[in-house]
Amino acid sequence: MRSTKYGSRITVQKRTKTENDIGGWTNTWADLFSCWALVTPASRSKRLEYAELKYDEFFEIEMRARDVNPDGDCQIVYSGNAYQIISFTVTDVVKIDMIR
């Protein structure tokens, strides 16, 4: 495996609930982990599929598998922007589709 394949730094954040002053809850994001990943724009067919959802940016991420992998309750921070996870698969590597 080439180490240069993963050249972009991403941070995976997990949604957490924190209690506010009046007894309610607010959702915040806590860093789960940061890692190096391969981030590429989504393929043309996925762009057409996601265009119906009115999102501006579509990316595919590939990173090494780990003990703690992201799930649907996580978000990805890449280049200072937060992205929603649409789908992911875990094999020897984790592949994620994300949109903003």
N, C-alpha and C. Protein backbone atom coordinates (compact mmCIF):
# COMPACT_ATOMS: atom_id res chain seq x y z
N MET A 1 0.84 -1.18 0.00
CA MET A 1 0.00 0.00 0.00
C MET A 1 0.89 1.24 0.00
N ARG A 2 0.62 2.14 -0.93
CA ARG A 2 1.39 3.37 -1.01
C ARG A 2 0.92 4.36 0.05
N SER A 3 1.86 4.92 0.78
CA SER A 3 1.46 5.89 1.81
C SER A 3 1.05 7.22 1.19
N THR A 4 1.51 7.52 -0.02
CA THR A 4 1.18 8.80 -0.65
C THR A 4 -0.24 8.81 -1.20
N LYS A 5 -0.90 7.68 -1.24
CA LYS A 5 -2.27 7.62 -1.75
C LYS A 5 -3.20 8.47 -0.89
N TYR A 6 -2.98 8.46 0.42
CA TYR A 6 -3.82 9.20 1.35
C TYR A 6 -3.15 10.53 1.67
N GLY A 7 -3.52 11.57 0.92
CA GLY A 7 -2.84 12.85 1.05
C GLY A 7 -3.67 13.98 1.64
N SER A 8 -4.90 13.70 2.07
CA SER A 8 -5.77 14.74 2.63
C SER A 8 -6.09 14.42 4.08
N ARG A 9 -6.05 15.44 4.92
CA ARG A 9 -6.33 15.26 6.34
C ARG A 9 -7.82 15.51 6.58
N ILE A 10 -8.50 14.55 7.23
CA ILE A 10 -9.91 14.71 7.58
C ILE A 10 -10.09 14.48 9.07
N THR A 11 -11.16 15.01 9.61
CA THR A 11 -11.53 14.79 11.01
C THR A 11 -12.95 14.24 11.03
N VAL A 12 -13.15 13.15 11.73
CA VAL A 12 -14.47 12.57 11.89
C VAL A 12 -15.02 13.04 13.23
N GLN A 13 -16.21 13.60 13.22
CA GLN A 13 -16.83 14.11 14.44
C GLN A 13 -18.12 13.34 14.71
N LYS A 14 -18.38 13.08 15.99
CA LYS A 14 -19.58 12.37 16.43
C LYS A 14 -20.51 13.36 17.11
N ARG A 15 -21.81 13.22 16.86
CA ARG A 15 -22.81 14.10 17.49
C ARG A 15 -22.93 13.72 18.97
N THR A 16 -22.90 14.73 19.82
CA THR A 16 -23.10 14.52 21.25
C THR A 16 -24.16 15.50 21.75
N LYS A 17 -24.89 15.09 22.76
CA LYS A 17 -25.90 15.96 23.37
C LYS A 17 -25.32 16.55 24.64
N THR A 18 -25.48 17.85 24.78
CA THR A 18 -25.06 18.52 26.01
C THR A 18 -26.25 19.27 26.57
N GLU A 19 -26.34 19.25 27.88
CA GLU A 19 -27.47 19.90 28.55
C GLU A 19 -27.24 21.40 28.57
N ASN A 20 -28.31 22.17 28.28
CA ASN A 20 -28.18 23.63 28.33
C ASN A 20 -28.70 24.15 29.68
N ASP A 21 -28.72 25.47 29.82
CA ASP A 21 -29.06 26.10 31.10
C ASP A 21 -30.51 25.90 31.52
N ILE A 22 -31.42 25.68 30.59
CA ILE A 22 -32.83 25.59 30.94
C ILE A 22 -33.34 24.14 30.96
N GLY A 23 -32.44 23.19 31.00
CA GLY A 23 -32.84 21.79 31.12
C GLY A 23 -33.04 21.07 29.80
N GLY A 24 -32.84 21.75 28.71
CA GLY A 24 -32.97 21.12 27.40
C GLY A 24 -31.63 20.56 26.92
N TRP A 25 -31.61 20.14 25.69
CA TRP A 25 -30.40 19.57 25.11
C TRP A 25 -30.02 20.33 23.84
N THR A 26 -28.74 20.45 23.61
CA THR A 26 -28.23 20.98 22.35
C THR A 26 -27.28 19.96 21.76
N ASN A 27 -27.28 19.86 20.45
CA ASN A 27 -26.37 18.95 19.77
C ASN A 27 -25.06 19.66 19.48
N THR A 28 -23.98 19.03 19.84
CA THR A 28 -22.65 19.54 19.54
C THR A 28 -21.87 18.42 18.86
N TRP A 29 -20.72 18.75 18.34
CA TRP A 29 -19.88 17.78 17.65
C TRP A 29 -18.56 17.64 18.38
N ALA A 30 -18.19 16.41 18.68
CA ALA A 30 -16.92 16.12 19.35
C ALA A 30 -16.05 15.32 18.38
N ASP A 31 -14.76 15.64 18.34
CA ASP A 31 -13.84 14.93 17.46
C ASP A 31 -13.73 13.47 17.88
N LEU A 32 -13.95 12.57 16.93
CA LEU A 32 -13.81 11.14 17.16
C LEU A 32 -12.38 10.71 16.85
N PHE A 33 -11.89 11.11 15.67
CA PHE A 33 -10.49 10.89 15.29
C PHE A 33 -10.16 11.71 14.05
N SER A 34 -8.88 11.89 13.81
CA SER A 34 -8.38 12.52 12.59
C SER A 34 -7.49 11.51 11.89
N CYS A 35 -7.49 11.54 10.57
CA CYS A 35 -6.65 10.61 9.82
C CYS A 35 -6.38 11.15 8.43
N TRP A 36 -5.48 10.48 7.74
CA TRP A 36 -5.18 10.80 6.35
C TRP A 36 -6.10 9.97 5.48
N ALA A 37 -6.61 10.56 4.39
CA ALA A 37 -7.56 9.88 3.53
C ALA A 37 -7.38 10.33 2.09
N LEU A 38 -7.95 9.56 1.18
CA LEU A 38 -8.03 9.92 -0.22
C LEU A 38 -9.40 10.53 -0.44
N VAL A 39 -9.45 11.82 -0.79
CA VAL A 39 -10.71 12.53 -1.02
C VAL A 39 -10.79 12.88 -2.49
N THR A 40 -11.83 12.39 -3.17
CA THR A 40 -12.01 12.66 -4.60
C THR A 40 -13.44 13.13 -4.86
N PRO A 41 -13.64 13.97 -5.87
CA PRO A 41 -15.00 14.35 -6.23
C PRO A 41 -15.79 13.12 -6.64
N ALA A 42 -17.08 13.12 -6.39
CA ALA A 42 -17.93 11.97 -6.70
C ALA A 42 -18.00 11.75 -8.21
N SER A 43 -18.26 10.51 -8.60
CA SER A 43 -18.37 10.17 -10.01
C SER A 43 -19.60 10.85 -10.63
N ARG A 44 -19.64 10.88 -11.94
CA ARG A 44 -20.72 11.57 -12.65
C ARG A 44 -22.09 11.00 -12.31
N SER A 45 -22.22 9.69 -12.22
CA SER A 45 -23.53 9.09 -11.92
C SER A 45 -23.99 9.45 -10.51
N LYS A 46 -23.07 9.48 -9.56
CA LYS A 46 -23.44 9.88 -8.20
C LYS A 46 -23.80 11.35 -8.14
N ARG A 47 -23.11 12.18 -8.93
CA ARG A 47 -23.45 13.60 -8.97
C ARG A 47 -24.88 13.79 -9.46
N LEU A 48 -25.27 13.05 -10.48
CA LEU A 48 -26.64 13.17 -10.99
C LEU A 48 -27.64 12.71 -9.94
N GLU A 49 -27.31 11.64 -9.23
CA GLU A 49 -28.20 11.13 -8.19
C GLU A 49 -28.34 12.14 -7.05
N TYR A 50 -27.24 12.72 -6.60
CA TYR A 50 -27.28 13.65 -5.48
C TYR A 50 -27.78 15.03 -5.88
N ALA A 51 -27.74 15.37 -7.16
CA ALA A 51 -28.20 16.69 -7.62
C ALA A 51 -29.68 16.87 -7.32
N GLU A 52 -30.42 15.78 -7.28
CA GLU A 52 -31.84 15.88 -6.95
C GLU A 52 -32.05 16.33 -5.51
N LEU A 53 -31.03 16.14 -4.67
CA LEU A 53 -31.14 16.53 -3.27
C LEU A 53 -30.71 17.98 -3.03
N LYS A 54 -30.29 18.67 -4.08
CA LYS A 54 -29.92 20.09 -4.03
C LYS A 54 -28.69 20.36 -3.14
N TYR A 55 -27.68 19.51 -3.23
CA TYR A 55 -26.43 19.74 -2.52
C TYR A 55 -25.39 20.27 -3.49
N ASP A 56 -24.43 21.03 -2.98
CA ASP A 56 -23.43 21.67 -3.83
C ASP A 56 -22.18 20.84 -4.06
N GLU A 57 -21.72 20.15 -3.04
CA GLU A 57 -20.45 19.43 -3.13
C GLU A 57 -20.64 17.96 -2.80
N PHE A 58 -20.02 17.10 -3.59
CA PHE A 58 -20.13 15.67 -3.42
C PHE A 58 -18.72 15.08 -3.45
N PHE A 59 -18.35 14.32 -2.44
CA PHE A 59 -17.02 13.72 -2.39
C PHE A 59 -17.12 12.25 -2.00
N GLU A 60 -16.10 11.51 -2.42
CA GLU A 60 -15.91 10.13 -1.98
C GLU A 60 -14.61 10.09 -1.19
N ILE A 61 -14.63 9.39 -0.08
CA ILE A 61 -13.45 9.29 0.78
C ILE A 61 -13.06 7.83 0.91
N GLU A 62 -11.77 7.60 0.91
CA GLU A 62 -11.24 6.27 1.22
C GLU A 62 -10.18 6.44 2.29
N MET A 63 -10.27 5.66 3.35
CA MET A 63 -9.29 5.71 4.43
C MET A 63 -9.06 4.30 4.95
N ARG A 64 -8.01 4.13 5.70
CA ARG A 64 -7.72 2.81 6.26
C ARG A 64 -8.76 2.45 7.32
N ALA A 65 -9.10 1.18 7.39
CA ALA A 65 -10.04 0.71 8.41
C ALA A 65 -9.40 0.82 9.78
N ARG A 66 -10.21 1.01 10.79
CA ARG A 66 -9.72 1.14 12.17
C ARG A 66 -10.72 0.52 13.12
N ASP A 67 -10.39 0.49 14.39
CA ASP A 67 -11.28 -0.11 15.38
C ASP A 67 -12.59 0.67 15.51
N VAL A 68 -12.50 2.00 15.43
CA VAL A 68 -13.69 2.86 15.51
C VAL A 68 -13.89 3.48 14.14
N ASN A 69 -14.96 3.12 13.46
CA ASN A 69 -15.27 3.66 12.15
C ASN A 69 -16.46 4.59 12.23
N PRO A 70 -16.57 5.56 11.31
CA PRO A 70 -17.71 6.48 11.35
C PRO A 70 -19.02 5.76 11.01
N ASP A 71 -20.11 6.34 11.47
CA ASP A 71 -21.43 5.80 11.14
C ASP A 71 -22.32 6.95 10.69
N GLY A 72 -23.59 6.71 10.59
CA GLY A 72 -24.52 7.72 10.10
C GLY A 72 -24.72 8.90 11.02
N ASP A 73 -24.27 8.79 12.28
CA ASP A 73 -24.42 9.86 13.25
C ASP A 73 -23.15 10.71 13.34
N CYS A 74 -22.30 10.62 12.33
CA CYS A 74 -21.04 11.36 12.31
C CYS A 74 -21.04 12.35 11.16
N GLN A 75 -20.09 13.26 11.20
CA GLN A 75 -19.85 14.16 10.08
C GLN A 75 -18.35 14.20 9.82
N ILE A 76 -17.97 14.61 8.61
CA ILE A 76 -16.58 14.70 8.23
C ILE A 76 -16.22 16.18 8.07
N VAL A 77 -15.11 16.59 8.67
CA VAL A 77 -14.61 17.94 8.48
C VAL A 77 -13.40 17.84 7.55
N TYR A 78 -13.50 18.51 6.40
CA TYR A 78 -12.46 18.48 5.38
C TYR A 78 -12.28 19.89 4.85
N SER A 79 -11.08 20.39 4.87
CA SER A 79 -10.76 21.75 4.41
C SER A 79 -11.62 22.81 5.09
N GLY A 80 -11.88 22.63 6.37
CA GLY A 80 -12.64 23.62 7.13
C GLY A 80 -14.14 23.56 6.95
N ASN A 81 -14.65 22.64 6.14
CA ASN A 81 -16.08 22.50 5.91
C ASN A 81 -16.58 21.19 6.49
N ALA A 82 -17.80 21.20 7.03
CA ALA A 82 -18.41 19.98 7.57
C ALA A 82 -19.29 19.35 6.51
N TYR A 83 -19.17 18.02 6.35
CA TYR A 83 -19.91 17.28 5.34
C TYR A 83 -20.74 16.18 5.99
N GLN A 84 -21.91 15.95 5.45
CA GLN A 84 -22.81 14.91 5.92
C GLN A 84 -22.45 13.60 5.24
N ILE A 85 -22.46 12.50 6.00
CA ILE A 85 -22.17 11.19 5.44
C ILE A 85 -23.45 10.63 4.84
N ILE A 86 -23.38 10.24 3.57
CA ILE A 86 -24.52 9.65 2.87
C ILE A 86 -24.48 8.14 2.98
N SER A 87 -23.34 7.55 2.72
CA SER A 87 -23.20 6.09 2.81
C SER A 87 -21.75 5.75 3.10
N PHE A 88 -21.54 4.55 3.63
CA PHE A 88 -20.18 4.10 3.87
C PHE A 88 -20.15 2.58 3.84
N THR A 89 -18.99 2.04 3.47
CA THR A 89 -18.75 0.60 3.49
C THR A 89 -17.41 0.36 4.17
N VAL A 90 -17.33 -0.73 4.90
CA VAL A 90 -16.10 -1.06 5.62
C VAL A 90 -15.63 -2.44 5.15
N THR A 91 -14.45 -2.46 4.56
CA THR A 91 -13.77 -3.72 4.22
C THR A 91 -12.35 -3.57 4.75
N ASP A 92 -11.35 -3.78 3.92
CA ASP A 92 -9.98 -3.49 4.33
C ASP A 92 -9.77 -1.99 4.46
N VAL A 93 -10.57 -1.24 3.70
CA VAL A 93 -10.57 0.22 3.78
C VAL A 93 -12.00 0.68 3.99
N VAL A 94 -12.16 1.90 4.45
CA VAL A 94 -13.49 2.47 4.65
C VAL A 94 -13.76 3.42 3.49
N LYS A 95 -14.89 3.23 2.81
CA LYS A 95 -15.27 4.12 1.71
C LYS A 95 -16.53 4.87 2.13
N ILE A 96 -16.48 6.20 1.99
CA ILE A 96 -17.56 7.07 2.46
C ILE A 96 -18.00 8.00 1.33
N ASP A 97 -19.29 8.17 1.15
CA ASP A 97 -19.84 9.20 0.27
C ASP A 97 -20.34 10.32 1.17
N MET A 98 -19.96 11.58 0.85
CA MET A 98 -20.39 12.68 1.69
C MET A 98 -20.82 13.86 0.82
N ILE A 99 -21.71 14.68 1.37
CA ILE A 99 -22.22 15.84 0.66
C ILE A 99 -22.27 17.04 1.60
N ARG A 100 -22.32 18.22 0.99
CA ARG A 100 -22.48 19.44 1.78
C ARG A 100 -23.50 20.29 1.12
